Each structure stands twice: as structure tokens, then as C-alpha cells.
Protein backbone atom coordinates (compact mmCIF):
# COMPACT_ATOMS: atom_id res chain seq x y z
CA MET A 1 -9.05 2.51 -27.81
CA SER A 2 -10.36 5.51 -25.88
CA MET A 3 -9.72 5.97 -22.15
CA PRO A 4 -13.37 5.22 -21.21
CA ASP A 5 -13.20 2.04 -23.29
CA MET A 6 -9.96 0.99 -21.59
CA VAL A 7 -11.42 1.56 -18.13
CA ARG A 8 -14.62 -0.28 -19.08
CA ASP A 9 -12.52 -3.18 -20.38
CA GLN A 10 -10.49 -3.34 -17.16
CA TYR A 11 -13.59 -3.52 -15.00
CA VAL A 12 -15.81 -5.73 -17.17
CA ASP A 13 -15.72 -8.32 -14.38
CA SER A 14 -13.83 -8.86 -11.15
CA ALA A 15 -11.03 -11.08 -12.53
CA ARG A 16 -8.66 -8.23 -13.44
CA LEU A 17 -9.34 -6.39 -10.20
CA LYS A 18 -8.61 -9.55 -8.22
CA ALA A 19 -5.33 -9.95 -10.14
CA ARG A 20 -4.27 -6.38 -9.25
CA ILE A 21 -5.22 -6.88 -5.60
CA ALA A 22 -3.19 -10.11 -5.49
CA LEU A 23 -0.14 -8.36 -6.96
CA HIS A 24 -0.33 -5.60 -4.35
CA GLU A 25 -0.74 -8.10 -1.52
CA ARG A 26 2.18 -10.19 -2.73
CA PHE A 27 4.71 -7.51 -3.62
CA SER A 28 3.89 -4.46 -1.49
CA VAL A 29 6.74 -3.31 0.74
CA ASN A 30 4.44 -1.19 2.90
CA LYS A 31 4.06 -3.20 6.12
CA TYR A 32 1.29 -0.95 7.42
CA GLY A 33 -0.90 -1.72 4.43
CA TRP A 34 -3.11 0.29 2.19
CA LEU A 35 -6.37 -1.04 3.67
CA ARG A 36 -5.33 -0.02 7.19
CA TRP A 37 -4.38 3.45 5.92
CA VAL A 38 -7.79 3.81 4.23
CA PHE A 39 -9.63 2.88 7.42
CA ASP A 40 -7.50 5.31 9.43
CA GLN A 41 -8.95 8.11 7.27
CA PHE A 42 -12.51 7.36 8.43
CA GLU A 43 -14.08 8.69 11.61
CA LEU A 44 -17.00 6.31 11.88
CA PRO A 45 -19.56 6.93 14.65
CA GLU A 46 -20.93 3.96 16.59
CA GLN A 47 -24.05 3.93 14.41
CA CYS A 48 -23.67 4.81 10.77
CA ARG A 49 -24.64 3.78 7.29
CA ILE A 50 -21.84 3.18 4.83
CA LEU A 51 -22.35 3.24 1.06
CA ASP A 52 -19.41 2.25 -1.11
CA VAL A 53 -20.17 2.96 -4.77
CA GLY A 54 -17.70 1.06 -6.91
CA CYS A 55 -16.75 -1.41 -4.20
CA GLY A 56 -15.32 -3.94 -6.64
CA THR A 57 -15.05 -7.31 -4.95
CA GLY A 58 -15.86 -5.86 -1.52
CA ALA A 59 -12.45 -6.98 -0.22
CA LEU A 60 -11.82 -3.64 1.50
CA TRP A 61 -14.80 -4.10 3.78
CA ALA A 62 -14.87 -7.89 4.12
CA ALA A 63 -11.24 -8.09 5.25
CA LYS A 64 -11.68 -5.36 7.86
CA ARG A 65 -15.12 -6.05 9.28
CA LYS A 66 -13.79 -5.69 12.82
CA TRP A 67 -13.04 -2.00 12.18
CA ILE A 68 -16.66 -1.20 11.31
CA PRO A 69 -18.78 -0.22 14.32
CA LYS A 70 -21.11 -3.09 15.28
CA GLU A 71 -24.31 -1.05 15.01
CA SER A 72 -23.51 0.12 11.49
CA ARG A 73 -24.96 -0.91 8.15
CA MET A 74 -22.82 -1.41 5.05
CA THR A 75 -23.97 -1.43 1.43
CA GLY A 76 -21.63 -1.97 -1.49
CA LEU A 77 -22.55 -1.27 -5.11
CA ARG A 78 -20.64 -2.36 -8.16
CA ARG A 79 -21.23 -2.28 -11.86
CA SER A 80 -20.19 -5.12 -14.11
CA ARG A 81 -21.27 -6.18 -17.55
CA GLN A 82 -20.84 -9.81 -16.62
CA PRO A 83 -22.11 -11.67 -13.57
CA THR A 84 -19.55 -13.13 -11.22
CA SER A 85 -19.64 -16.07 -8.85
CA GLU A 86 -19.09 -13.88 -5.79
């Protein structure tokens, strides 16, 4: 199987991504957390538009809504060959 086929297979729907997220949440030893680190890298103005291409389940943004400026707009795009119940 080629690398593009393997990646496509891993992201065919959100089930495998959710499994990886759950493993990281359960077994990570980093108390600060990856999501907090990611948000610390952003310098978001009070009003902004955020586009996340490849947002997966949207967990990054949904879990940290309070860190997004209130006057901002968020759009998440994902690609999947199968519909999900999300």
C-alpha cells in the first residue's frame, strides 16, 4: 500500500482519529497539554476569522472555545469519504 493510500485509509472517517485522540488524552504525561500549547502559538486579535482546513472532528476548537475571541468567526473544513454522525 502506498503512503497516500495509507493516509487516505487512516482518515476515511473520524473513528480512527477519535481513537488516536482518546489514546493521547488517556496516556499523555504532559500535564500542560498539546491543545493548550497549540493555542499559545496563536496571537488572535479581538476580531478575526479562523479557517482550519483539515480540522478532523473539530475537537481542538470545540474544547477550547473560551480561548477564541468573542467577536471572531470560526470555520472548520474536513474531507471524508464517509459521512459521520457528528
